Amino acid sequence: GDLLPADGVLIQGNDLKIDESALTGESDHVRKSLDKDPLLLSGTHVMEGSGRMVVTAVGVNSQSGIIFTLLGATGDDEDDSRDRKG
């Protein structure tokens, strides 16, 4: 399935099922609809259906970006440069 590159809110959908296991660890696909659970998260995969969303967050402001930042996986080499200097 397609990888969602940003967080957003579903505004139009047709039998949309998302694999959120990368963020939640839950292996079941999550059904998304306008009335029930319209939030789409970056780093998840579309497994079935189609839809349109309004983007609400990208990069470090997205849900996966926040998780990566908390885990220290931002790709910054600050720690490496400090180690080399001293």
PDB file of N, CA and C in Angstrom:
ATOM      1  N   GLY A   1       0.797  -1.197   0.000  1.00  0.00           N
ATOM      2  CA  GLY A   1       0.000   0.000   0.000  1.00  0.00           C
ATOM      3  C   GLY A   1       0.838   1.258   0.000  1.00  0.00           C
ATOM      4  N   ASP A   2       0.186   2.352  -0.297  1.00  0.00           N
ATOM      5  CA  ASP A   2       0.850   3.653  -0.309  1.00  0.00           C
ATOM      6  C   ASP A   2       1.191   4.095   1.107  1.00  0.00           C
ATOM      7  N   LEU A   3       2.368   4.673   1.273  1.00  0.00           N
ATOM      8  CA  LEU A   3       2.811   5.217   2.551  1.00  0.00           C
ATOM      9  C   LEU A   3       2.279   6.633   2.692  1.00  0.00           C
ATOM     10  N   LEU A   4       1.640   6.927   3.825  1.00  0.00           N
ATOM     11  CA  LEU A   4       1.151   8.292   4.060  1.00  0.00           C
ATOM     12  C   LEU A   4       2.321   9.156   4.510  1.00  0.00           C
ATOM     13  N   PRO A   5       2.600  10.243   3.790  1.00  0.00           N
ATOM     14  CA  PRO A   5       3.763  11.077   4.098  1.00  0.00           C
ATOM     15  C   PRO A   5       3.503  12.158   5.145  1.00  0.00           C
ATOM     16  N   ALA A   6       2.254  12.330   5.568  1.00  0.00           N
ATOM     17  CA  ALA A   6       1.904  13.399   6.499  1.00  0.00           C
ATOM     18  C   ALA A   6       0.695  12.991   7.330  1.00  0.00           C
ATOM     19  N   ASP A   7       0.488  13.679   8.451  1.00  0.00           N
ATOM     20  CA  ASP A   7      -0.727  13.499   9.240  1.00  0.00           C
ATOM     21  C   ASP A   7      -1.848  14.291   8.577  1.00  0.00           C
ATOM     22  N   GLY A   8      -3.080  13.822   8.742  1.00  0.00           N
ATOM     23  CA  GLY A   8      -4.189  14.565   8.175  1.00  0.00           C
ATOM     24  C   GLY A   8      -5.532  14.054   8.643  1.00  0.00           C
ATOM     25  N   VAL A   9      -6.571  14.721   8.177  1.00  0.00           N
ATOM     26  CA  VAL A   9      -7.947  14.360   8.498  1.00  0.00           C
ATOM     27  C   VAL A   9      -8.635  13.961   7.203  1.00  0.00           C
ATOM     28  N   LEU A  10      -9.272  12.811   7.219  1.00  0.00           N
ATOM     29  CA  LEU A  10      -9.979  12.289   6.060  1.00  0.00           C
ATOM     30  C   LEU A  10     -11.173  13.185   5.722  1.00  0.00           C
ATOM     31  N   ILE A  11     -11.269  13.603   4.469  1.00  0.00           N
ATOM     32  CA  ILE A  11     -12.410  14.419   4.046  1.00  0.00           C
ATOM     33  C   ILE A  11     -13.266  13.698   3.018  1.00  0.00           C
ATOM     34  N   GLN A  12     -12.725  12.638   2.411  1.00  0.00           N
ATOM     35  CA  GLN A  12     -13.473  11.822   1.458  1.00  0.00           C
ATOM     36  C   GLN A  12     -12.831  10.446   1.448  1.00  0.00           C
ATOM     37  N   GLY A  13     -13.634   9.407   1.581  1.00  0.00           N
ATOM     38  CA  GLY A  13     -13.062   8.070   1.615  1.00  0.00           C
ATOM     39  C   GLY A  13     -13.996   7.022   1.052  1.00  0.00           C
ATOM     40  N   ASN A  14     -13.381   5.941   0.552  1.00  0.00           N
ATOM     41  CA  ASN A  14     -14.125   4.830  -0.009  1.00  0.00           C
ATOM     42  C   ASN A  14     -13.514   3.531   0.505  1.00  0.00           C
ATOM     43  N   ASP A  15     -14.150   2.929   1.525  1.00  0.00           N
ATOM     44  CA  ASP A  15     -13.717   1.657   2.104  1.00  0.00           C
ATOM     45  C   ASP A  15     -12.225   1.677   2.439  1.00  0.00           C
ATOM     46  N   LEU A  16     -11.785   2.701   3.160  1.00  0.00           N
ATOM     47  CA  LEU A  16     -10.378   2.914   3.460  1.00  0.00           C
ATOM     48  C   LEU A  16      -9.950   2.092   4.671  1.00  0.00           C
ATOM     49  N   LYS A  17      -8.899   1.291   4.487  1.00  0.00           N
ATOM     50  CA  LYS A  17      -8.319   0.514   5.581  1.00  0.00           C
ATOM     51  C   LYS A  17      -6.823   0.825   5.637  1.00  0.00           C
ATOM     52  N   ILE A  18      -6.348   1.119   6.845  1.00  0.00           N
ATOM     53  CA  ILE A  18      -4.979   1.566   7.064  1.00  0.00           C
ATOM     54  C   ILE A  18      -4.243   0.573   7.959  1.00  0.00           C
ATOM     55  N   ASP A  19      -2.980   0.295   7.616  1.00  0.00           N
ATOM     56  CA  ASP A  19      -2.099  -0.517   8.452  1.00  0.00           C
ATOM     57  C   ASP A  19      -1.316   0.450   9.342  1.00  0.00           C
ATOM     58  N   GLU A  20      -1.676   0.502  10.628  1.00  0.00           N
ATOM     59  CA  GLU A  20      -1.033   1.401  11.581  1.00  0.00           C
ATOM     60  C   GLU A  20      -0.006   0.673  12.444  1.00  0.00           C
ATOM     61  N   SER A  21       0.398  -0.524  12.039  1.00  0.00           N
ATOM     62  CA  SER A  21       1.289  -1.330  12.869  1.00  0.00           C
ATOM     63  C   SER A  21       2.644  -0.670  13.105  1.00  0.00           C
ATOM     64  N   ALA A  22       3.105   0.170  12.190  1.00  0.00           N
ATOM     65  CA  ALA A  22       4.388   0.853  12.373  1.00  0.00           C
ATOM     66  C   ALA A  22       4.361   1.783  13.582  1.00  0.00           C
ATOM     67  N   LEU A  23       3.183   2.322  13.902  1.00  0.00           N
ATOM     68  CA  LEU A  23       3.063   3.243  15.041  1.00  0.00           C
ATOM     69  C   LEU A  23       2.497   2.579  16.287  1.00  0.00           C
ATOM     70  N   THR A  24       1.558   1.657  16.102  1.00  0.00           N
ATOM     71  CA  THR A  24       0.856   1.101  17.258  1.00  0.00           C
ATOM     72  C   THR A  24       1.261  -0.323  17.600  1.00  0.00           C
ATOM     73  N   GLY A  25       1.834  -1.048  16.636  1.00  0.00           N
ATOM     74  CA  GLY A  25       2.161  -2.450  16.858  1.00  0.00           C
ATOM     75  C   GLY A  25       0.975  -3.364  16.623  1.00  0.00           C
ATOM     76  N   GLU A  26      -0.202  -2.797  16.407  1.00  0.00           N
ATOM     77  CA  GLU A  26      -1.427  -3.567  16.159  1.00  0.00           C
ATOM     78  C   GLU A  26      -1.440  -4.051  14.715  1.00  0.00           C
ATOM     79  N   SER A  27      -1.581  -5.366  14.524  1.00  0.00           N
ATOM     80  CA  SER A  27      -1.490  -5.935  13.177  1.00  0.00           C
ATOM     81  C   SER A  27      -2.785  -5.834  12.369  1.00  0.00           C
ATOM     82  N   ASP A  28      -3.915  -5.603  13.025  1.00  0.00           N
ATOM     83  CA  ASP A  28      -5.184  -5.496  12.298  1.00  0.00           C
ATOM     84  C   ASP A  28      -5.252  -4.170  11.547  1.00  0.00           C
ATOM     85  N   HIS A  29      -5.840  -4.212  10.358  1.00  0.00           N
ATOM     86  CA  HIS A  29      -6.030  -2.990   9.587  1.00  0.00           C
ATOM     87  C   HIS A  29      -7.174  -2.191  10.208  1.00  0.00           C
ATOM     88  N   VAL A  30      -7.033  -0.882  10.220  1.00  0.00           N
ATOM     89  CA  VAL A  30      -8.012   0.009  10.849  1.00  0.00           C
ATOM     90  C   VAL A  30      -8.865   0.649   9.767  1.00  0.00           C
ATOM     91  N   ARG A  31     -10.199   0.495   9.910  1.00  0.00           N
ATOM     92  CA  ARG A  31     -11.126   1.112   8.959  1.00  0.00           C
ATOM     93  C   ARG A  31     -11.288   2.583   9.317  1.00  0.00           C
ATOM     94  N   LYS A  32     -11.120   3.440   8.317  1.00  0.00           N
ATOM     95  CA  LYS A  32     -11.255   4.875   8.515  1.00  0.00           C
ATOM     96  C   LYS A  32     -12.482   5.372   7.773  1.00  0.00           C
ATOM     97  N   SER A  33     -13.201   6.299   8.387  1.00  0.00           N
ATOM     98  CA  SER A  33     -14.375   6.891   7.739  1.00  0.00           C
ATOM     99  C   SER A  33     -14.544   8.312   8.262  1.00  0.00           C
ATOM    100  N   LEU A  34     -15.395   9.068   7.598  1.00  0.00           N
ATOM    101  CA  LEU A  34     -15.619  10.459   7.994  1.00  0.00           C
ATOM    102  C   LEU A  34     -16.237  10.560   9.378  1.00  0.00           C
ATOM    103  N   ASP A  35     -17.150   9.634   9.732  1.00  0.00           N
ATOM    104  CA  ASP A  35     -17.832   9.721  11.024  1.00  0.00           C
ATOM    105  C   ASP A  35     -17.100   8.977  12.131  1.00  0.00           C
ATOM    106  N   LYS A  36     -16.253   8.008  11.786  1.00  0.00           N
ATOM    107  CA  LYS A  36     -15.570   7.230  12.818  1.00  0.00           C
ATOM    108  C   LYS A  36     -14.083   7.134  12.483  1.00  0.00           C
ATOM    109  N   ASP A  37     -13.257   7.709  13.337  1.00  0.00           N
ATOM    110  CA  ASP A  37     -11.802   7.647  13.214  1.00  0.00           C
ATOM    111  C   ASP A  37     -11.283   8.214  11.889  1.00  0.00           C
ATOM    112  N   PRO A  38     -11.456   9.521  11.646  1.00  0.00           N
ATOM    113  CA  PRO A  38     -11.000  10.130  10.391  1.00  0.00           C
ATOM    114  C   PRO A  38      -9.522  10.545  10.388  1.00  0.00           C
ATOM    115  N   LEU A  39      -8.793  10.326  11.500  1.00  0.00           N
ATOM    116  CA  LEU A  39      -7.409  10.773  11.597  1.00  0.00           C
ATOM    117  C   LEU A  39      -6.471   9.799  10.884  1.00  0.00           C
ATOM    118  N   LEU A  40      -5.657  10.330   9.966  1.00  0.00           N
ATOM    119  CA  LEU A  40      -4.673   9.536   9.235  1.00  0.00           C
ATOM    120  C   LEU A  40      -3.283   9.982   9.675  1.00  0.00           C
ATOM    121  N   LEU A  41      -2.406   9.023   9.935  1.00  0.00           N
ATOM    122  CA  LEU A  41      -1.094   9.337  10.486  1.00  0.00           C
ATOM    123  C   LEU A  41       0.035   9.002   9.522  1.00  0.00           C
ATOM    124  N   SER A  42       1.045   9.863   9.497  1.00  0.00           N
ATOM    125  CA  SER A  42       2.197   9.611   8.632  1.00  0.00           C
ATOM    126  C   SER A  42       2.914   8.343   9.082  1.00  0.00           C
ATOM    127  N   GLY A  43       3.521   7.667   8.121  1.00  0.00           N
ATOM    128  CA  GLY A  43       4.236   6.434   8.423  1.00  0.00           C
ATOM    129  C   GLY A  43       3.360   5.198   8.373  1.00  0.00           C
ATOM    130  N   THR A  44       2.054   5.385   8.148  1.00  0.00           N
ATOM    131  CA  THR A  44       1.141   4.249   8.032  1.00  0.00           C
ATOM    132  C   THR A  44       0.895   3.967   6.546  1.00  0.00           C
ATOM    133  N   HIS A  45       0.356   2.785   6.266  1.00  0.00           N
ATOM    134  CA  HIS A  45       0.151   2.365   4.885  1.00  0.00           C
ATOM    135  C   HIS A  45      -1.325   2.163   4.567  1.00  0.00           C
ATOM    136  N   VAL A  46      -1.736   2.604   3.386  1.00  0.00           N
ATOM    137  CA  VAL A  46      -3.088   2.349   2.893  1.00  0.00           C
ATOM    138  C   VAL A  46      -3.115   0.923   2.356  1.00  0.00           C
ATOM    139  N   MET A  47      -3.995   0.101   2.890  1.00  0.00           N
ATOM    140  CA  MET A  47      -4.064  -1.295   2.471  1.00  0.00           C
ATOM    141  C   MET A  47      -5.229  -1.555   1.518  1.00  0.00           C
ATOM    142  N   GLU A  48      -6.333  -0.833   1.701  1.00  0.00           N
ATOM    143  CA  GLU A  48      -7.508  -0.987   0.843  1.00  0.00           C
ATOM    144  C   GLU A  48      -8.195   0.360   0.703  1.00  0.00           C
ATOM    145  N   GLY A  49      -8.918   0.518  -0.394  1.00  0.00           N
ATOM    146  CA  GLY A  49      -9.746   1.689  -0.593  1.00  0.00           C
ATOM    147  C   GLY A  49      -8.961   2.899  -1.060  1.00  0.00           C
ATOM    148  N   SER A  50      -9.628   4.039  -0.967  1.00  0.00           N
ATOM    149  CA  SER A  50      -9.031   5.297  -1.403  1.00  0.00           C
ATOM    150  C   SER A  50      -9.610   6.428  -0.574  1.00  0.00           C
ATOM    151  N   GLY A  51      -8.972   7.572  -0.655  1.00  0.00           N
ATOM    152  CA  GLY A  51      -9.478   8.710   0.094  1.00  0.00           C
ATOM    153  C   GLY A  51      -8.688   9.966  -0.176  1.00  0.00           C
ATOM    154  N   ARG A  52      -9.211  11.056   0.366  1.00  0.00           N
ATOM    155  CA  ARG A  52      -8.551  12.359   0.320  1.00  0.00           C
ATOM    156  C   ARG A  52      -8.495  12.880   1.742  1.00  0.00           C
ATOM    157  N   MET A  53      -7.407  13.612   2.022  1.00  0.00           N
ATOM    158  CA  MET A  53      -7.272  14.160   3.369  1.00  0.00           C
ATOM    159  C   MET A  53      -6.754  15.585   3.302  1.00  0.00           C
ATOM    160  N   VAL A  54      -7.017  16.317   4.374  1.00  0.00           N
ATOM    161  CA  VAL A  54      -6.433  17.637   4.578  1.00  0.00           C
ATOM    162  C   VAL A  54      -5.227  17.419   5.482  1.00  0.00           C
ATOM    163  N   VAL A  55      -4.065  17.854   5.023  1.00  0.00           N
ATOM    164  CA  VAL A  55      -2.834  17.672   5.788  1.00  0.00           C
ATOM    165  C   VAL A  55      -2.837  18.612   6.988  1.00  0.00           C
ATOM    166  N   THR A  56      -2.509  18.050   8.159  1.00  0.00           N
ATOM    167  CA  THR A  56      -2.475  18.834   9.390  1.00  0.00           C
ATOM    168  C   THR A  56      -1.076  18.968   9.971  1.00  0.00           C
ATOM    169  N   ALA A  57      -0.159  18.053   9.628  1.00  0.00           N
ATOM    170  CA  ALA A  57       1.211  18.130  10.146  1.00  0.00           C
ATOM    171  C   ALA A  57       2.158  17.349   9.244  1.00  0.00           C
ATOM    172  N   VAL A  58       3.382  17.875   9.118  1.00  0.00           N
ATOM    173  CA  VAL A  58       4.417  17.204   8.324  1.00  0.00           C
ATOM    174  C   VAL A  58       5.729  17.194   9.097  1.00  0.00           C
ATOM    175  N   GLY A  59       6.661  16.372   8.662  1.00  0.00           N
ATOM    176  CA  GLY A  59       8.006  16.340   9.241  1.00  0.00           C
ATOM    177  C   GLY A  59       8.022  16.075  10.732  1.00  0.00           C
ATOM    178  N   VAL A  60       8.827  16.846  11.457  1.00  0.00           N
ATOM    179  CA  VAL A  60       8.971  16.625  12.897  1.00  0.00           C
ATOM    180  C   VAL A  60       7.701  16.963  13.675  1.00  0.00           C
ATOM    181  N   ASN A  61       6.756  17.654  13.043  1.00  0.00           N
ATOM    182  CA  ASN A  61       5.485  17.977  13.702  1.00  0.00           C
ATOM    183  C   ASN A  61       4.444  16.875  13.550  1.00  0.00           C
ATOM    184  N   SER A  62       4.707  15.897  12.678  1.00  0.00           N
ATOM    185  CA  SER A  62       3.767  14.793  12.488  1.00  0.00           C
ATOM    186  C   SER A  62       3.919  13.791  13.629  1.00  0.00           C
ATOM    187  N   GLN A  63       2.986  12.863  13.736  1.00  0.00           N
ATOM    188  CA  GLN A  63       3.021  11.882  14.810  1.00  0.00           C
ATOM    189  C   GLN A  63       4.289  11.029  14.736  1.00  0.00           C
ATOM    190  N   SER A  64       4.647  10.561  13.550  1.00  0.00           N
ATOM    191  CA  SER A  64       5.867   9.754  13.436  1.00  0.00           C
ATOM    192  C   SER A  64       7.104  10.615  13.672  1.00  0.00           C
ATOM    193  N   GLY A  65       7.080  11.873  13.260  1.00  0.00           N
ATOM    194  CA  GLY A  65       8.197  12.783  13.519  1.00  0.00           C
ATOM    195  C   GLY A  65       8.414  13.005  14.998  1.00  0.00           C
ATOM    196  N   ILE A  66       7.331  13.142  15.740  1.00  0.00           N
ATOM    197  CA  ILE A  66       7.421  13.315  17.193  1.00  0.00           C
ATOM    198  C   ILE A  66       8.022  12.075  17.832  1.00  0.00           C
ATOM    199  N   ILE A  67       7.590  10.908  17.375  1.00  0.00           N
ATOM    200  CA  ILE A  67       8.123   9.650  17.920  1.00  0.00           C
ATOM    201  C   ILE A  67       9.614   9.533  17.629  1.00  0.00           C
ATOM    202  N   PHE A  68      10.013   9.806  16.379  1.00  0.00           N
ATOM    203  CA  PHE A  68      11.433   9.735  16.024  1.00  0.00           C
ATOM    204  C   PHE A  68      12.259  10.718  16.836  1.00  0.00           C
ATOM    205  N   THR A  69      11.727  11.913  17.074  1.00  0.00           N
ATOM    206  CA  THR A  69      12.434  12.911  17.866  1.00  0.00           C
ATOM    207  C   THR A  69      12.614  12.428  19.298  1.00  0.00           C
ATOM    208  N   LEU A  70      11.565  11.862  19.872  1.00  0.00           N
ATOM    209  CA  LEU A  70      11.654  11.350  21.237  1.00  0.00           C
ATOM    210  C   LEU A  70      12.637  10.196  21.351  1.00  0.00           C
ATOM    211  N   LEU A  71      12.773   9.420  20.283  1.00  0.00           N
ATOM    212  CA  LEU A  71      13.701   8.293  20.285  1.00  0.00           C
ATOM    213  C   LEU A  71      15.125   8.723  19.929  1.00  0.00           C
ATOM    214  N   GLY A  72      15.295   9.988  19.564  1.00  0.00           N
ATOM    215  CA  GLY A  72      16.619  10.481  19.206  1.00  0.00           C
ATOM    216  C   GLY A  72      17.058  10.061  17.823  1.00  0.00           C
ATOM    217  N   ALA A  73      16.110   9.742  16.950  1.00  0.00           N
ATOM    218  CA  ALA A  73      16.429   9.271  15.600  1.00  0.00           C
ATOM    219  C   ALA A  73      16.190  10.364  14.570  1.00  0.00           C
ATOM    220  N   THR A  74      16.568  11.602  14.905  1.00  0.00           N
ATOM    221  CA  THR A  74      16.298  12.719  14.000  1.00  0.00           C
ATOM    222  C   THR A  74      17.309  12.832  12.888  1.00  0.00           C
ATOM    223  N   GLY A  75      18.421  12.120  12.984  1.00  0.00           N
ATOM    224  CA  GLY A  75      19.441  12.212  11.954  1.00  0.00           C
ATOM    225  C   GLY A  75      20.453  13.305  12.231  1.00  0.00           C
ATOM    226  N   ASP A  76      20.316  14.032  13.355  1.00  0.00           N
ATOM    227  CA  ASP A  76      21.285  15.057  13.722  1.00  0.00           C
ATOM    228  C   ASP A  76      22.599  14.397  14.129  1.00  0.00           C
ATOM    229  N   ASP A  77      23.694  14.996  13.723  1.00  0.00           N
ATOM    230  CA  ASP A  77      25.011  14.461  14.061  1.00  0.00           C
ATOM    231  C   ASP A  77      25.670  15.268  15.165  1.00  0.00           C
ATOM    232  N   GLU A  78      24.890  15.964  15.985  1.00  0.00           N
ATOM    233  CA  GLU A  78      25.449  16.790  17.051  1.00  0.00           C
ATOM    234  C   GLU A  78      26.275  15.957  18.015  1.00  0.00           C
ATOM    235  N   ASP A  79      25.771  14.813  18.419  1.00  0.00           N
ATOM    236  CA  ASP A  79      26.488  13.964  19.361  1.00  0.00           C
ATOM    237  C   ASP A  79      27.815  13.510  18.770  1.00  0.00           C
ATOM    238  N   ASP A  80      27.822  13.163  17.488  1.00  0.00           N
ATOM    239  CA  ASP A  80      29.037  12.712  16.825  1.00  0.00           C
ATOM    240  C   ASP A  80      30.074  13.819  16.777  1.00  0.00           C
ATOM    241  N   SER A  81      29.652  15.052  16.477  1.00  0.00           N
ATOM    242  CA  SER A  81      30.602  16.154  16.372  1.00  0.00           C
ATOM    243  C   SER A  81      31.186  16.499  17.744  1.00  0.00           C
ATOM    244  N   ARG A  82      30.411  16.384  18.797  1.00  0.00           N
ATOM    245  CA  ARG A  82      30.934  16.635  20.142  1.00  0.00           C
ATOM    246  C   ARG A  82      31.962  15.584  20.523  1.00  0.00           C
ATOM    247  N   ASP A  83      31.707  14.340  20.139  1.00  0.00           N
ATOM    248  CA  ASP A  83      32.648  13.264  20.451  1.00  0.00           C
ATOM    249  C   ASP A  83      33.989  13.494  19.769  1.00  0.00           C
ATOM    250  N   ARG A  84      33.982  13.988  18.552  1.00  0.00           N
ATOM    251  CA  ARG A  84      35.215  14.210  17.807  1.00  0.00           C
ATOM    252  C   ARG A  84      36.026  15.374  18.378  1.00  0.00           C
ATOM    253  N   LYS A  85      35.327  16.384  18.915  1.00  0.00           N
ATOM    254  CA  LYS A  85      36.038  17.563  19.427  1.00  0.00           C
ATOM    255  C   LYS A  85      36.724  17.290  20.751  1.00  0.00           C
ATOM    256  N   GLY A  86      36.108  16.477  21.559  1.00  0.00           N
ATOM    257  CA  GLY A  86      36.694  16.404  22.877  1.00  0.00           C
ATOM    258  C   GLY A  86      36.770  15.055  23.418  1.00  0.00           C
TER     259      GLY A  86
END
